[in-house]
Amino acid sequence: MKTSFLGKALLGAAFFTCPCHLPIYLVLFGGTALGGYMAENKILAVGALTAVFFFSLLSGWKIAWARG
């Protein structure tokens, strides 16, 4: 049961780290240091979000649907 929860948590993390959400994050974090950094380094932010997204998505699928 723990592994399926972990898989679902990773899939939830994949949803929030999807690079298509970057414009939303720029608006939400607009007045903060994180928002400023992301606005100045959009390519780095997209690359980091993409890497975390794919890792979370693939790991979450593997764990959530593993036959144990």
PDB file of N, CA and C in Angstrom:
ATOM      1  N   MET A   1       0.813  -1.189   0.000  1.00  0.00           N
ATOM      2  CA  MET A   1       0.000   0.000   0.000  1.00  0.00           C
ATOM      3  C   MET A   1       0.860   1.257   0.000  1.00  0.00           C
ATOM      4  N   LYS A   2       1.986   1.236   0.676  1.00  0.00           N
ATOM      5  CA  LYS A   2       2.868   2.392   0.709  1.00  0.00           C
ATOM      6  C   LYS A   2       3.397   2.735  -0.677  1.00  0.00           C
ATOM      7  N   THR A   3       3.741   1.709  -1.438  1.00  0.00           N
ATOM      8  CA  THR A   3       4.328   1.984  -2.747  1.00  0.00           C
ATOM      9  C   THR A   3       3.329   2.636  -3.690  1.00  0.00           C
ATOM     10  N   SER A   4       2.054   2.258  -3.608  1.00  0.00           N
ATOM     11  CA  SER A   4       1.088   2.904  -4.488  1.00  0.00           C
ATOM     12  C   SER A   4       0.875   4.366  -4.074  1.00  0.00           C
ATOM     13  N   PHE A   5       0.938   4.658  -2.775  1.00  0.00           N
ATOM     14  CA  PHE A   5       0.839   6.054  -2.333  1.00  0.00           C
ATOM     15  C   PHE A   5       2.041   6.847  -2.825  1.00  0.00           C
ATOM     16  N   LEU A   6       3.231   6.264  -2.757  1.00  0.00           N
ATOM     17  CA  LEU A   6       4.434   6.934  -3.235  1.00  0.00           C
ATOM     18  C   LEU A   6       4.338   7.195  -4.733  1.00  0.00           C
ATOM     19  N   GLY A   7       3.827   6.223  -5.457  1.00  0.00           N
ATOM     20  CA  GLY A   7       3.656   6.409  -6.894  1.00  0.00           C
ATOM     21  C   GLY A   7       2.682   7.529  -7.205  1.00  0.00           C
ATOM     22  N   LYS A   8       1.592   7.587  -6.468  1.00  0.00           N
ATOM     23  CA  LYS A   8       0.614   8.650  -6.680  1.00  0.00           C
ATOM     24  C   LYS A   8       1.182  10.007  -6.278  1.00  0.00           C
ATOM     25  N   ALA A   9       1.984  10.045  -5.241  1.00  0.00           N
ATOM     26  CA  ALA A   9       2.619  11.296  -4.827  1.00  0.00           C
ATOM     27  C   ALA A   9       3.598  11.783  -5.903  1.00  0.00           C
ATOM     28  N   LEU A  10       4.333  10.853  -6.497  1.00  0.00           N
ATOM     29  CA  LEU A  10       5.247  11.229  -7.574  1.00  0.00           C
ATOM     30  C   LEU A  10       4.489  11.714  -8.803  1.00  0.00           C
ATOM     31  N   LEU A  11       3.347  11.101  -9.093  1.00  0.00           N
ATOM     32  CA  LEU A  11       2.535  11.566 -10.212  1.00  0.00           C
ATOM     33  C   LEU A  11       1.962  12.951  -9.931  1.00  0.00           C
ATOM     34  N   GLY A  12       1.614  13.216  -8.680  1.00  0.00           N
ATOM     35  CA  GLY A  12       1.170  14.556  -8.305  1.00  0.00           C
ATOM     36  C   GLY A  12       2.289  15.577  -8.455  1.00  0.00           C
ATOM     37  N   ALA A  13       3.498  15.187  -8.076  1.00  0.00           N
ATOM     38  CA  ALA A  13       4.650  16.071  -8.255  1.00  0.00           C
ATOM     39  C   ALA A  13       4.904  16.326  -9.736  1.00  0.00           C
ATOM     40  N   ALA A  14       4.688  15.312 -10.563  1.00  0.00           N
ATOM     41  CA  ALA A  14       4.861  15.484 -12.008  1.00  0.00           C
ATOM     42  C   ALA A  14       3.857  16.503 -12.548  1.00  0.00           C
ATOM     43  N   PHE A  15       2.638  16.475 -12.037  1.00  0.00           N
ATOM     44  CA  PHE A  15       1.637  17.448 -12.481  1.00  0.00           C
ATOM     45  C   PHE A  15       2.088  18.874 -12.171  1.00  0.00           C
ATOM     46  N   PHE A  16       2.589  19.105 -10.974  1.00  0.00           N
ATOM     47  CA  PHE A  16       2.959  20.456 -10.579  1.00  0.00           C
ATOM     48  C   PHE A  16       4.272  20.920 -11.183  1.00  0.00           C
ATOM     49  N   THR A  17       5.131  20.012 -11.630  1.00  0.00           N
ATOM     50  CA  THR A  17       6.405  20.410 -12.220  1.00  0.00           C
ATOM     51  C   THR A  17       6.386  20.369 -13.738  1.00  0.00           C
ATOM     52  N   CYS A  18       5.214  20.205 -14.326  1.00  0.00           N
ATOM     53  CA  CYS A  18       5.099  20.218 -15.785  1.00  0.00           C
ATOM     54  C   CYS A  18       5.572  21.579 -16.303  1.00  0.00           C
ATOM     55  N   PRO A  19       6.460  21.597 -17.293  1.00  0.00           N
ATOM     56  CA  PRO A  19       6.990  22.875 -17.782  1.00  0.00           C
ATOM     57  C   PRO A  19       5.923  23.798 -18.372  1.00  0.00           C
ATOM     58  N   CYS A  20       4.782  23.274 -18.750  1.00  0.00           N
ATOM     59  CA  CYS A  20       3.737  24.137 -19.303  1.00  0.00           C
ATOM     60  C   CYS A  20       3.135  25.038 -18.229  1.00  0.00           C
ATOM     61  N   HIS A  21       3.398  24.765 -16.966  1.00  0.00           N
ATOM     62  CA  HIS A  21       2.891  25.592 -15.880  1.00  0.00           C
ATOM     63  C   HIS A  21       3.814  26.764 -15.548  1.00  0.00           C
ATOM     64  N   LEU A  22       4.915  26.914 -16.263  1.00  0.00           N
ATOM     65  CA  LEU A  22       5.869  27.982 -15.957  1.00  0.00           C
ATOM     66  C   LEU A  22       5.247  29.375 -16.012  1.00  0.00           C
ATOM     67  N   PRO A  23       4.413  29.707 -17.001  1.00  0.00           N
ATOM     68  CA  PRO A  23       3.795  31.050 -16.969  1.00  0.00           C
ATOM     69  C   PRO A  23       2.939  31.284 -15.719  1.00  0.00           C
ATOM     70  N   ILE A  24       2.276  30.254 -15.247  1.00  0.00           N
ATOM     71  CA  ILE A  24       1.476  30.383 -14.028  1.00  0.00           C
ATOM     72  C   ILE A  24       2.387  30.636 -12.835  1.00  0.00           C
ATOM     73  N   TYR A  25       3.507  29.922 -12.766  1.00  0.00           N
ATOM     74  CA  TYR A  25       4.444  30.107 -11.662  1.00  0.00           C
ATOM     75  C   TYR A  25       5.057  31.503 -11.695  1.00  0.00           C
ATOM     76  N   LEU A  26       5.319  32.032 -12.901  1.00  0.00           N
ATOM     77  CA  LEU A  26       5.878  33.382 -12.995  1.00  0.00           C
ATOM     78  C   LEU A  26       4.905  34.426 -12.461  1.00  0.00           C
ATOM     79  N   VAL A  27       3.623  34.218 -12.680  1.00  0.00           N
ATOM     80  CA  VAL A  27       2.620  35.141 -12.152  1.00  0.00           C
ATOM     81  C   VAL A  27       2.476  34.966 -10.637  1.00  0.00           C
ATOM     82  N   LEU A  28       2.412  33.709 -10.181  1.00  0.00           N
ATOM     83  CA  LEU A  28       2.222  33.453  -8.751  1.00  0.00           C
ATOM     84  C   LEU A  28       3.399  33.941  -7.905  1.00  0.00           C
ATOM     85  N   PHE A  29       4.612  33.730  -8.408  1.00  0.00           N
ATOM     86  CA  PHE A  29       5.806  34.106  -7.653  1.00  0.00           C
ATOM     87  C   PHE A  29       6.387  35.438  -8.133  1.00  0.00           C
ATOM     88  N   GLY A  30       5.572  36.264  -8.780  1.00  0.00           N
ATOM     89  CA  GLY A  30       6.042  37.496  -9.421  1.00  0.00           C
ATOM     90  C   GLY A  30       6.810  38.440  -8.521  1.00  0.00           C
ATOM     91  N   GLY A  31       6.393  38.660  -7.316  1.00  0.00           N
ATOM     92  CA  GLY A  31       7.041  39.625  -6.445  1.00  0.00           C
ATOM     93  C   GLY A  31       8.098  39.048  -5.538  1.00  0.00           C
ATOM     94  N   THR A  32       8.476  37.800  -5.757  1.00  0.00           N
ATOM     95  CA  THR A  32       9.440  37.155  -4.864  1.00  0.00           C
ATOM     96  C   THR A  32      10.794  36.987  -5.560  1.00  0.00           C
ATOM     97  N   ALA A  33      11.774  36.620  -4.775  1.00  0.00           N
ATOM     98  CA  ALA A  33      13.102  36.371  -5.336  1.00  0.00           C
ATOM     99  C   ALA A  33      13.071  35.166  -6.286  1.00  0.00           C
ATOM    100  N   LEU A  34      12.296  34.153  -5.942  1.00  0.00           N
ATOM    101  CA  LEU A  34      12.185  32.983  -6.818  1.00  0.00           C
ATOM    102  C   LEU A  34      11.573  33.367  -8.160  1.00  0.00           C
ATOM    103  N   GLY A  35      10.541  34.196  -8.142  1.00  0.00           N
ATOM    104  CA  GLY A  35       9.918  34.652  -9.377  1.00  0.00           C
ATOM    105  C   GLY A  35      10.873  35.468 -10.229  1.00  0.00           C
ATOM    106  N   GLY A  36      11.646  36.313  -9.593  1.00  0.00           N
ATOM    107  CA  GLY A  36      12.646  37.098 -10.321  1.00  0.00           C
ATOM    108  C   GLY A  36      13.715  36.230 -10.950  1.00  0.00           C
ATOM    109  N   TYR A  37      14.159  35.252 -10.216  1.00  0.00           N
ATOM    110  CA  TYR A  37      15.179  34.338 -10.737  1.00  0.00           C
ATOM    111  C   TYR A  37      14.631  33.530 -11.913  1.00  0.00           C
ATOM    112  N   MET A  38      13.391  33.051 -11.766  1.00  0.00           N
ATOM    113  CA  MET A  38      12.791  32.271 -12.847  1.00  0.00           C
ATOM    114  C   MET A  38      12.545  33.133 -14.078  1.00  0.00           C
ATOM    115  N   ALA A  39      12.169  34.388 -13.889  1.00  0.00           N
ATOM    116  CA  ALA A  39      11.934  35.280 -15.016  1.00  0.00           C
ATOM    117  C   ALA A  39      13.230  35.595 -15.759  1.00  0.00           C
ATOM    118  N   GLU A  40      14.331  35.733 -15.022  1.00  0.00           N
ATOM    119  CA  GLU A  40      15.612  36.034 -15.658  1.00  0.00           C
ATOM    120  C   GLU A  40      16.240  34.810 -16.319  1.00  0.00           C
ATOM    121  N   ASN A  41      15.938  33.630 -15.813  1.00  0.00           N
ATOM    122  CA  ASN A  41      16.551  32.393 -16.313  1.00  0.00           C
ATOM    123  C   ASN A  41      15.480  31.409 -16.774  1.00  0.00           C
ATOM    124  N   LYS A  42      14.697  31.820 -17.765  1.00  0.00           N
ATOM    125  CA  LYS A  42      13.582  30.978 -18.220  1.00  0.00           C
ATOM    126  C   LYS A  42      14.046  29.660 -18.792  1.00  0.00           C
ATOM    127  N   ILE A  43      15.141  29.658 -19.532  1.00  0.00           N
ATOM    128  CA  ILE A  43      15.623  28.417 -20.147  1.00  0.00           C
ATOM    129  C   ILE A  43      16.085  27.439 -19.070  1.00  0.00           C
ATOM    130  N   LEU A  44      16.772  27.926 -18.066  1.00  0.00           N
ATOM    131  CA  LEU A  44      17.193  27.079 -16.952  1.00  0.00           C
ATOM    132  C   LEU A  44      15.991  26.549 -16.185  1.00  0.00           C
ATOM    133  N   ALA A  45      14.991  27.406 -15.976  1.00  0.00           N
ATOM    134  CA  ALA A  45      13.780  26.980 -15.263  1.00  0.00           C
ATOM    135  C   ALA A  45      13.033  25.905 -16.044  1.00  0.00           C
ATOM    136  N   VAL A  46      12.905  26.089 -17.355  1.00  0.00           N
ATOM    137  CA  VAL A  46      12.229  25.082 -18.182  1.00  0.00           C
ATOM    138  C   VAL A  46      13.008  23.774 -18.169  1.00  0.00           C
ATOM    139  N   GLY A  47      14.319  23.843 -18.243  1.00  0.00           N
ATOM    140  CA  GLY A  47      15.142  22.630 -18.209  1.00  0.00           C
ATOM    141  C   GLY A  47      15.022  21.887 -16.889  1.00  0.00           C
ATOM    142  N   ALA A  48      15.063  22.626 -15.796  1.00  0.00           N
ATOM    143  CA  ALA A  48      14.941  21.990 -14.481  1.00  0.00           C
ATOM    144  C   ALA A  48      13.554  21.389 -14.277  1.00  0.00           C
ATOM    145  N   LEU A  49      12.514  22.138 -14.657  1.00  0.00           N
ATOM    146  CA  LEU A  49      11.154  21.611 -14.521  1.00  0.00           C
ATOM    147  C   LEU A  49      10.951  20.379 -15.399  1.00  0.00           C
ATOM    148  N   THR A  50      11.510  20.382 -16.591  1.00  0.00           N
ATOM    149  CA  THR A  50      11.376  19.234 -17.486  1.00  0.00           C
ATOM    150  C   THR A  50      12.058  18.005 -16.911  1.00  0.00           C
ATOM    151  N   ALA A  51      13.256  18.184 -16.369  1.00  0.00           N
ATOM    152  CA  ALA A  51      13.973  17.044 -15.790  1.00  0.00           C
ATOM    153  C   ALA A  51      13.217  16.452 -14.605  1.00  0.00           C
ATOM    154  N   VAL A  52      12.739  17.299 -13.708  1.00  0.00           N
ATOM    155  CA  VAL A  52      11.984  16.822 -12.546  1.00  0.00           C
ATOM    156  C   VAL A  52      10.661  16.206 -12.981  1.00  0.00           C
ATOM    157  N   PHE A  53      10.018  16.800 -14.001  1.00  0.00           N
ATOM    158  CA  PHE A  53       8.758  16.277 -14.515  1.00  0.00           C
ATOM    159  C   PHE A  53       8.928  14.856 -15.043  1.00  0.00           C
ATOM    160  N   PHE A  54       9.906  14.648 -15.910  1.00  0.00           N
ATOM    161  CA  PHE A  54      10.085  13.311 -16.485  1.00  0.00           C
ATOM    162  C   PHE A  54      10.494  12.284 -15.439  1.00  0.00           C
ATOM    163  N   PHE A  55      11.351  12.672 -14.496  1.00  0.00           N
ATOM    164  CA  PHE A  55      11.738  11.741 -13.438  1.00  0.00           C
ATOM    165  C   PHE A  55      10.535  11.355 -12.589  1.00  0.00           C
ATOM    166  N   SER A  56       9.740  12.342 -12.198  1.00  0.00           N
ATOM    167  CA  SER A  56       8.565  12.065 -11.369  1.00  0.00           C
ATOM    168  C   SER A  56       7.528  11.244 -12.123  1.00  0.00           C
ATOM    169  N   LEU A  57       7.313  11.571 -13.372  1.00  0.00           N
ATOM    170  CA  LEU A  57       6.319  10.866 -14.164  1.00  0.00           C
ATOM    171  C   LEU A  57       6.694   9.407 -14.374  1.00  0.00           C
ATOM    172  N   LEU A  58       7.912   9.161 -14.795  1.00  0.00           N
ATOM    173  CA  LEU A  58       8.332   7.787 -15.062  1.00  0.00           C
ATOM    174  C   LEU A  58       8.436   6.961 -13.777  1.00  0.00           C
ATOM    175  N   SER A  59       8.974   7.557 -12.731  1.00  0.00           N
ATOM    176  CA  SER A  59       9.064   6.840 -11.455  1.00  0.00           C
ATOM    177  C   SER A  59       7.681   6.572 -10.870  1.00  0.00           C
ATOM    178  N   GLY A  60       6.802   7.557 -10.960  1.00  0.00           N
ATOM    179  CA  GLY A  60       5.448   7.392 -10.445  1.00  0.00           C
ATOM    180  C   GLY A  60       4.683   6.307 -11.172  1.00  0.00           C
ATOM    181  N   TRP A  61       4.793   6.274 -12.496  1.00  0.00           N
ATOM    182  CA  TRP A  61       4.137   5.206 -13.264  1.00  0.00           C
ATOM    183  C   TRP A  61       4.678   3.841 -12.884  1.00  0.00           C
ATOM    184  N   LYS A  62       5.991   3.762 -12.761  1.00  0.00           N
ATOM    185  CA  LYS A  62       6.617   2.474 -12.450  1.00  0.00           C
ATOM    186  C   LYS A  62       6.177   1.976 -11.066  1.00  0.00           C
ATOM    187  N   ILE A  63       6.141   2.850 -10.089  1.00  0.00           N
ATOM    188  CA  ILE A  63       5.793   2.458  -8.725  1.00  0.00           C
ATOM    189  C   ILE A  63       4.289   2.224  -8.560  1.00  0.00           C
ATOM    190  N   ALA A  64       3.489   3.102  -9.136  1.00  0.00           N
ATOM    191  CA  ALA A  64       2.039   3.013  -8.938  1.00  0.00           C
ATOM    192  C   ALA A  64       1.444   1.778  -9.594  1.00  0.00           C
ATOM    193  N   TRP A  65       1.975   1.386 -10.722  1.00  0.00           N
ATOM    194  CA  TRP A  65       1.402   0.253 -11.430  1.00  0.00           C
ATOM    195  C   TRP A  65       2.270  -0.997 -11.386  1.00  0.00           C
ATOM    196  N   ALA A  66       3.165  -1.068 -10.418  1.00  0.00           N
ATOM    197  CA  ALA A  66       3.991  -2.267 -10.245  1.00  0.00           C
ATOM    198  C   ALA A  66       3.147  -3.387  -9.667  1.00  0.00           C
ATOM    199  N   ARG A  67       3.314  -4.541 -10.204  1.00  0.00           N
ATOM    200  CA  ARG A  67       2.604  -5.723  -9.686  1.00  0.00           C
ATOM    201  C   ARG A  67       3.508  -6.366  -8.642  1.00  0.00           C
ATOM    202  N   GLY A  68       3.080  -6.347  -7.412  1.00  0.00           N
ATOM    203  CA  GLY A  68       3.938  -6.818  -6.341  1.00  0.00           C
ATOM    204  C   GLY A  68       3.542  -8.101  -5.827  1.00  0.00           C
TER     205      GLY A  68
END
